[in-house]
Protein backbone atom coordinates (compact mmCIF):
# COMPACT_ATOMS: atom_id res chain seq x y z
CA MET A 1 -20.17 18.46 -35.08
CA SER A 2 -16.70 20.64 -35.95
CA ASN A 3 -15.66 19.91 -39.51
CA ARG A 4 -12.48 19.03 -37.62
CA VAL A 5 -13.55 15.89 -36.43
CA ARG A 6 -13.44 13.20 -38.86
CA THR A 7 -12.85 9.51 -39.18
CA ALA A 8 -9.35 8.01 -40.16
CA VAL A 9 -10.81 7.66 -43.78
CA GLY A 10 -10.88 11.32 -43.96
CA ALA A 11 -7.32 12.18 -42.77
CA ALA A 12 -5.37 11.92 -46.15
CA ALA A 13 -7.53 14.60 -47.55
CA ALA A 14 -7.34 16.85 -44.66
CA ALA A 15 -3.70 16.48 -44.75
CA GLY A 16 -2.74 19.46 -46.62
CA LEU A 17 -4.98 22.01 -44.81
CA ALA A 18 -3.57 24.91 -43.17
CA LEU A 19 -4.95 28.25 -41.72
CA SER A 20 -3.95 31.56 -41.10
CA LEU A 21 -2.00 32.19 -37.58
CA THR A 22 -2.59 35.85 -36.80
CA ALA A 23 -1.54 35.08 -32.98
CA CYS A 24 1.86 36.10 -32.08
CA GLY A 25 3.98 33.11 -30.67
CA GLY A 26 3.60 29.43 -32.34
CA VAL A 27 3.25 25.94 -31.84
CA SER A 28 6.00 23.19 -32.12
CA GLY A 29 5.28 21.79 -36.05
CA ALA A 30 3.70 24.88 -37.50
CA ALA A 31 5.08 26.50 -40.24
CA GLU A 32 5.30 30.26 -40.40
CA GLY A 33 2.30 31.85 -41.32
CA GLU A 34 0.17 28.48 -40.83
CA LEU A 35 -1.66 26.77 -37.93
CA ALA A 36 -0.45 23.90 -36.61
CA ALA A 37 -1.82 20.39 -37.67
CA TRP A 38 -2.88 18.30 -34.60
CA GLN A 39 -4.23 15.26 -33.90
CA GLY A 40 -6.46 14.11 -31.17
CA ALA A 41 -6.87 10.75 -29.79
CA ASN A 42 -10.34 9.02 -28.37
CA TYR A 43 -10.99 5.43 -27.91
CA MET A 44 -15.06 6.00 -27.80
CA PRO A 45 -17.83 6.34 -30.50
CA GLU A 46 -18.06 10.29 -31.49
CA GLN A 47 -21.74 10.67 -30.83
CA ASN A 48 -21.27 10.26 -27.01
CA SER A 49 -20.44 13.09 -24.12
CA PHE A 50 -17.19 11.82 -23.44
CA SER A 51 -16.05 12.34 -26.81
CA ARG A 52 -17.75 15.67 -27.28
CA ALA A 53 -16.03 16.96 -24.21
CA VAL A 54 -12.54 16.03 -26.28
CA VAL A 55 -13.90 17.65 -29.24
CA GLU A 56 -15.10 21.25 -27.20
CA VAL A 57 -11.53 21.46 -26.02
CA ALA A 58 -10.20 20.96 -29.66
CA ASP A 59 -12.39 23.75 -30.98
CA PHE A 60 -11.16 25.96 -28.01
CA ILE A 61 -7.64 25.11 -29.07
CA GLU A 62 -8.17 26.06 -32.60
CA GLU A 63 -10.26 29.26 -31.18
CA GLN A 64 -7.03 30.25 -29.68
CA GLU A 65 -5.34 29.90 -32.84
CA ILE A 66 -2.78 26.98 -31.29
CA ALA A 67 -3.58 24.31 -33.90
CA GLN A 68 -6.04 22.69 -35.91
CA VAL A 69 -7.05 19.14 -34.36
CA GLU A 70 -8.15 16.60 -36.17
CA VAL A 71 -9.94 14.35 -33.30
CA PHE A 72 -10.05 10.44 -34.18
CA HIS A 73 -12.49 8.52 -32.59
CA GLN A 74 -13.30 4.67 -31.65
CA GLU A 75 -9.67 4.00 -31.35
CA SER A 76 -9.05 5.08 -35.18
CA LEU A 77 -5.54 6.77 -33.78
CA LEU A 78 -4.88 4.98 -30.93
CA GLY A 79 -6.23 2.15 -28.78
CA ALA A 80 -7.79 3.01 -25.22
CA SER A 81 -4.80 1.82 -23.41
CA ASP A 82 -2.48 3.56 -25.95
CA ILE A 83 -3.58 6.97 -25.54
CA LEU A 84 -1.50 8.21 -22.78
CA PRO A 85 1.80 6.93 -23.86
CA GLY A 86 0.90 8.07 -27.62
CA ILE A 87 0.40 11.84 -26.32
CA ALA A 88 3.42 11.42 -24.57
CA ASP A 89 5.46 10.32 -27.47
CA GLY A 90 3.77 12.54 -29.96
CA ARG A 91 1.70 10.24 -31.57
CA ALA A 92 -1.09 12.18 -30.88
CA ASN A 93 -0.92 16.14 -29.55
CA MET A 94 -4.04 15.68 -27.32
CA GLY A 95 -6.78 13.44 -26.53
CA ILE A 96 -8.97 11.86 -23.62
CA ILE A 97 -8.04 8.67 -21.41
CA ASN A 98 -9.99 6.90 -18.94
CA PRO A 99 -7.33 6.63 -15.90
CA PHE A 100 -7.91 3.32 -14.98
CA TYR A 101 -6.17 1.79 -18.02
CA TYR A 102 -3.32 3.39 -16.41
CA PRO A 103 -3.25 2.73 -12.53
CA GLY A 104 0.65 2.66 -12.33
CA GLU A 105 0.96 5.72 -14.04
CA LEU A 106 -1.46 7.81 -12.48
CA PRO A 107 -2.03 6.02 -9.18
CA LEU A 108 -3.43 9.26 -7.08
CA THR A 109 -6.13 10.16 -10.42
CA ASN A 110 -6.94 6.05 -9.89
CA VAL A 111 -8.76 7.01 -6.61
CA ALA A 112 -11.54 7.85 -8.92
CA SER A 113 -12.17 4.28 -9.18
CA VAL A 114 -12.75 3.57 -5.82
CA PRO A 115 -16.63 2.42 -5.23
CA PHE A 116 -18.75 4.41 -2.95
CA MET A 117 -16.66 7.65 -2.85
CA SER A 118 -19.62 9.81 -4.41
CA GLN A 119 -22.76 9.36 -6.08
CA ASP A 120 -22.17 12.78 -7.48
CA PRO A 121 -19.70 12.81 -10.55
CA TRP A 122 -19.76 16.64 -11.24
CA ALA A 123 -19.02 17.50 -7.77
CA HIS A 124 -16.38 14.44 -7.53
CA THR A 125 -14.75 15.94 -10.60
CA THR A 126 -14.79 19.39 -9.85
CA ALA A 127 -13.30 18.66 -6.38
CA LEU A 128 -10.59 16.83 -8.31
CA ASN A 129 -9.72 19.51 -10.67
CA GLU A 130 -9.55 21.58 -7.27
CA VAL A 131 -7.05 19.44 -5.65
CA TYR A 132 -5.22 18.92 -8.87
CA ASP A 133 -4.51 22.93 -8.92
CA ASN A 134 -3.04 22.98 -5.47
CA SER A 135 -1.26 19.32 -5.36
CA GLU A 136 2.00 19.24 -6.48
CA GLN A 137 1.86 15.10 -6.22
CA LEU A 138 -1.03 15.11 -8.45
CA LYS A 139 0.58 17.28 -11.08
CA ALA A 140 3.88 15.39 -10.91
CA GLU A 141 2.06 12.08 -12.14
CA TYR A 142 1.05 13.66 -15.31
CA GLU A 143 4.65 15.61 -15.84
CA LYS A 144 6.13 12.23 -15.15
CA ALA A 145 3.91 10.82 -17.78
CA GLY A 146 5.10 13.23 -20.31
CA VAL A 147 1.72 15.11 -20.50
CA GLU A 148 -0.04 18.42 -19.27
CA LEU A 149 -3.65 17.76 -17.72
CA ILE A 150 -6.26 20.36 -19.24
CA THR A 151 -9.16 19.36 -17.17
CA PHE A 152 -10.63 16.23 -15.72
CA VAL A 153 -14.17 15.77 -17.02
CA PRO A 154 -17.38 13.81 -15.52
CA VAL A 155 -18.32 10.21 -16.52
CA ALA A 156 -22.08 9.24 -15.13
CA THR A 157 -22.00 6.88 -12.59
CA THR A 158 -21.89 2.88 -13.40
CA ILE A 159 -24.82 1.03 -14.25
CA LEU A 160 -24.70 -3.03 -13.65
CA GLY A 161 -26.39 -4.02 -17.17
CA ALA A 162 -27.76 -7.55 -17.25
CA LYS A 163 -30.66 -9.49 -19.16
CA ASP A 164 -32.67 -9.96 -15.88
CA GLU A 165 -33.46 -7.78 -12.91
CA MET A 166 -31.16 -8.17 -9.83
CA ASN A 167 -32.87 -7.15 -6.63
CA SER A 168 -30.49 -8.19 -4.00
CA LEU A 169 -26.87 -9.09 -3.44
CA ASP A 170 -27.85 -12.84 -3.56
CA ASP A 171 -28.53 -12.33 -6.88
CA PHE A 172 -24.69 -11.23 -7.80
CA LYS A 173 -23.29 -14.51 -6.44
CA GLY A 174 -21.67 -16.80 -9.11
CA LYS A 175 -22.73 -14.33 -11.73
CA LYS A 176 -20.24 -13.48 -14.37
CA ILE A 177 -19.61 -9.70 -14.09
CA ARG A 178 -17.47 -7.68 -16.60
CA SER A 179 -15.84 -5.22 -14.51
CA VAL A 180 -12.75 -2.87 -14.24
CA GLY A 181 -10.25 -2.00 -11.37
CA LEU A 182 -11.72 -1.49 -8.08
CA LEU A 183 -14.96 -2.56 -9.21
CA SER A 184 -13.88 -5.83 -9.68
CA ASN A 185 -12.48 -6.25 -6.16
CA ALA A 186 -16.05 -4.82 -4.91
CA MET A 187 -18.03 -7.67 -7.12
CA SER A 188 -15.85 -10.21 -5.92
CA GLU A 189 -16.71 -9.22 -2.42
CA VAL A 190 -20.16 -9.99 -2.75
CA GLY A 191 -19.70 -13.40 -4.65
CA ALA A 192 -19.79 -12.36 -8.34
CA ASN A 193 -17.16 -13.51 -10.68
CA PRO A 194 -15.52 -10.50 -12.12
CA VAL A 195 -14.26 -10.53 -16.04
CA SER A 196 -11.81 -8.42 -17.17
CA MET A 197 -12.30 -7.34 -20.88
CA PRO A 198 -12.14 -4.46 -23.05
CA ALA A 199 -15.64 -2.27 -23.09
CA GLY A 200 -15.65 -3.21 -26.97
CA GLU A 201 -15.85 -7.02 -26.31
CA ILE A 202 -19.16 -6.52 -23.87
CA TYR A 203 -22.25 -6.38 -26.62
CA GLN A 204 -20.84 -10.01 -28.00
CA SER A 205 -19.89 -11.67 -24.70
CA MET A 206 -23.76 -10.49 -23.64
CA GLU A 207 -25.23 -11.78 -26.41
CA GLN A 208 -23.12 -15.34 -26.40
CA GLY A 209 -23.65 -15.88 -22.61
CA VAL A 210 -19.98 -15.39 -22.03
CA ILE A 211 -20.88 -12.75 -18.98
CA ASP A 212 -24.10 -12.47 -17.37
CA GLY A 213 -23.61 -8.79 -16.81
CA TYR A 214 -21.45 -5.71 -17.09
CA THR A 215 -20.32 -2.84 -14.97
CA SER A 216 -17.78 -0.30 -15.01
CA TYR A 217 -19.99 1.58 -17.40
CA PRO A 218 -22.41 4.50 -17.74
CA PHE A 219 -25.87 4.65 -18.49
CA ASP A 220 -25.90 7.02 -21.31
CA ILE A 221 -22.92 5.73 -23.09
CA ALA A 222 -24.15 2.03 -22.89
CA VAL A 223 -27.39 3.10 -24.68
CA SER A 224 -25.21 5.11 -27.27
CA ASN A 225 -23.55 1.73 -27.99
CA SER A 226 -26.72 -0.19 -27.85
CA LEU A 227 -25.73 -2.18 -24.85
CA HIS A 228 -29.64 -2.37 -23.86
CA GLU A 229 -30.03 -4.98 -27.19
CA VAL A 230 -28.22 -7.62 -25.20
CA ALA A 231 -28.81 -6.31 -21.45
CA PRO A 232 -32.01 -4.60 -21.43
CA VAL A 233 -32.04 -4.19 -17.68
CA ALA A 234 -29.80 -1.18 -16.25
CA ILE A 235 -29.12 -1.50 -12.23
CA ASP A 236 -27.94 1.45 -10.21
CA PRO A 237 -25.67 -0.83 -7.96
CA GLY A 238 -25.27 1.90 -5.58
CA THR A 239 -21.34 2.24 -5.78
CA GLY A 240 -21.44 5.69 -7.55
CA VAL A 241 -18.68 7.27 -9.43
CA TYR A 242 -16.21 4.80 -10.93
CA SER A 243 -13.89 6.88 -13.11
CA VAL A 244 -13.18 10.34 -14.66
CA GLY A 245 -11.88 11.58 -18.44
CA ALA A 246 -8.72 13.27 -18.25
CA ILE A 247 -7.97 15.77 -21.26
CA LEU A 248 -4.37 16.21 -21.99
CA MET A 249 -2.09 17.45 -23.90
CA ASN A 250 1.74 16.39 -25.12
CA LYS A 251 4.11 18.42 -22.94
CA GLY A 252 6.23 19.54 -25.67
CA ASP A 253 3.33 21.24 -27.12
CA TRP A 254 1.76 22.82 -23.96
CA ASP A 255 5.70 24.27 -23.40
CA ALA A 256 5.86 25.64 -26.98
CA LEU A 257 2.36 27.92 -26.10
CA THR A 258 2.94 31.16 -25.44
CA ASP A 259 2.08 32.38 -21.87
CA GLU A 260 -1.80 33.80 -23.01
CA GLN A 261 -2.26 30.59 -24.81
CA ARG A 262 -1.62 28.53 -21.30
CA THR A 263 -3.24 31.22 -19.54
CA ALA A 264 -6.45 31.08 -21.60
CA LEU A 265 -6.70 26.92 -21.24
CA ASP A 266 -5.87 27.09 -17.22
CA GLU A 267 -8.62 29.46 -17.04
CA ASN A 268 -11.30 27.62 -18.72
CA SER A 269 -10.58 24.19 -17.15
CA ARG A 270 -13.74 24.40 -14.92
CA THR A 271 -15.95 25.74 -17.95
CA PHE A 272 -14.62 22.51 -19.95
CA ALA A 273 -15.91 20.32 -17.24
CA ASP A 274 -19.28 21.93 -16.47
CA SER A 275 -20.03 22.14 -20.09
CA ALA A 276 -19.26 17.75 -20.17
CA ALA A 277 -21.20 17.54 -17.15
CA GLN A 278 -24.27 19.33 -19.01
CA MET A 279 -23.45 17.02 -22.15
CA VAL A 280 -23.74 14.04 -19.68
CA ALA A 281 -26.92 15.30 -18.21
CA ASP A 282 -28.17 15.98 -21.73
CA ASP A 283 -27.33 12.46 -23.11
CA LEU A 284 -28.70 10.73 -20.10
CA GLU A 285 -32.35 12.54 -20.32
CA SER A 286 -32.95 12.14 -24.31
CA LEU A 287 -30.91 8.08 -24.21
CA CYS A 288 -33.57 7.53 -21.49
CA GLY A 289 -36.22 7.61 -24.00
CA THR A 290 -34.65 5.42 -26.60
CA PHE A 291 -33.83 2.86 -23.70
CA LEU A 292 -37.55 2.79 -22.62
CA GLU A 293 -38.53 2.78 -25.96
CA ALA A 294 -36.75 -0.43 -26.75
CA GLY A 295 -38.76 -2.14 -23.84
CA GLY A 296 -35.51 -1.63 -21.15
CA THR A 297 -36.02 -1.59 -17.64
CA PRO A 298 -34.01 0.89 -14.94
CA ALA A 299 -33.33 -0.11 -11.85
CA ALA A 300 -31.90 0.37 -8.84
CA LEU A 301 -30.91 -2.37 -5.72
CA PRO A 302 -32.90 -1.34 -2.88
CA ASP A 303 -31.29 1.14 0.15
CA ASP A 304 -30.62 -1.66 2.25
CA GLU A 305 -28.85 -3.85 -0.24
CA ILE A 306 -26.84 -0.81 -1.18
CA LYS A 307 -25.89 -0.40 2.82
CA LYS A 308 -25.14 -4.11 2.87
CA PHE A 309 -22.79 -4.04 -0.52
CA LYS A 310 -21.19 -0.88 1.38
CA ASP A 311 -20.74 -2.44 4.50
CA THR A 312 -19.75 -5.50 3.19
CA VAL A 313 -16.78 -3.54 1.18
CA GLY A 314 -15.97 -1.48 4.09
CA ASP A 315 -12.39 0.22 3.94
CA SER A 316 -11.03 -2.20 2.19
CA LEU A 317 -10.86 -0.61 -1.16
CA ILE A 318 -9.88 2.41 -0.14
CA GLU A 319 -7.06 0.60 1.77
CA SER A 320 -6.20 -1.17 -1.63
CA TRP A 321 -5.85 1.77 -3.40
CA LYS A 322 -3.74 3.83 -0.94
CA SER A 323 -1.49 0.61 -0.88
CA GLU A 324 -1.23 0.76 -4.88
CA ALA A 325 -0.35 4.26 -4.69
CA VAL A 326 2.45 3.98 -2.09
CA LYS A 327 3.63 1.32 -4.43
CA ALA A 328 3.98 3.31 -6.97
CA GLY A 329 6.12 6.07 -5.51
CA VAL A 330 4.30 8.30 -3.89
CA GLU A 331 4.62 9.06 0.11
CA GLU A 332 2.10 7.41 2.60
CA GLY A 333 1.32 11.25 3.89
CA ASP A 334 0.93 12.73 0.58
CA VAL A 335 -1.83 10.07 -0.16
CA ASP A 336 -3.21 10.72 3.00
CA ASN A 337 -3.13 14.18 2.24
CA PHE A 338 -4.71 14.03 -1.18
CA LEU A 339 -7.52 12.26 0.01
CA GLU A 340 -8.19 14.19 2.74
CA ALA A 341 -8.34 17.04 0.17
CA LEU A 342 -10.47 15.12 -2.15
CA GLN A 343 -12.92 14.11 0.43
CA ALA A 344 -13.44 17.51 1.50
CA GLY A 345 -13.87 19.37 -1.78
CA ILE A 346 -16.29 16.21 -2.95
CA GLU A 347 -18.66 17.12 0.44
CA LYS A 348 -18.46 20.96 -0.19
CA TYR A 349 -19.44 20.46 -4.01
CA GLU A 350 -22.18 18.04 -3.44
CA ALA A 351 -23.60 20.39 -1.18
CA GLU A 352 -23.61 22.48 -4.40
CA SER A 353 -25.04 20.34 -7.01
CA GLU A 354 -27.94 20.38 -8.92
CA LYS A 355 -27.18 17.48 -11.31
CA ASP A 356 -28.11 13.59 -10.87
CA LEU A 357 -25.87 12.16 -13.67
CA SER A 358 -26.98 8.43 -12.80
CA VAL A 359 -29.39 6.34 -14.18
CA ARG A 360 -32.05 7.40 -11.22
CA PRO A 361 -33.92 10.25 -13.35
CA CYS A 362 -34.84 7.38 -15.81
CA ILE A 363 -35.96 5.19 -13.21
CA GLU A 364 -38.20 7.95 -12.21
CA GLN A 365 -39.19 8.87 -15.51
CA ALA A 366 -40.75 4.92 -16.15
CA GLY A 367 -42.47 5.10 -13.04
């Protein structure tokens, strides 16, 4: 782990640290001859793939002699729902968000929360990055938010964590399932009772029986956060990708970079995303062992139940996303063009993909 990554406790000790700036040009806030001191915001614990992805970008920012970034994890700088505005107003210089916390500000990006769009997070994220490069509408929502997108990074497909196995949609009926965004709609469609709550409350809520299960959460991060202790069954519900990570920079800081520095970050967007995908794959493999050793049970809804789930949802959720994007101010034709380009990209990259970023490999390992 980089020595630049600290908790809030270590921040004061690092406040006076400065490095020599040898590159021409500079960044807002940097004294002459010194490397600017930046703060990075992350709401997840530092050990997981989501967090390591933003640290890798922070490392690159230092390598490019842009700034020294101290990354604050687990909401020690900004809460999950405060990171986007916090980066925009300068409370953080960069960081990572989950777009489903900001459906009004990032309506097009929230297509990632539509269930059944793709079972392949790498393909989905790669397509989304490609669309961003060519979509003025997608770029505009980040510009309007006061930030610069560095890259999207993948998150493993969601699981449904529970105390007991759930082998059919009938088992969902009446269950209180923590879920987020359009997955809440999907759960409601099949008779579950979706419950909105922050990720940090899942453990205690499962332990106390406030909820019967949770979703909108990937297998690797669930295990790294010990959720298998209170929900030892990890089920693949077949809904696939439920979100992405977005690594952002303050717009003013971006504008203060040299052309060479901006180009270096732009040209490495795909590298950052691919590296993050490998981090997810590595964690899924290693944490499967942790999960199985603790007596966890990985499972999946049968294919016929997944088909029934998908048929029940139909086009309702994609239409709901479209409607919300139009309400947020995106022209209907632009929404349709964006979706068409994204779906074509997903199909293209799914054909090239070599990674299964889901709980399925763990199911196979468990036999």
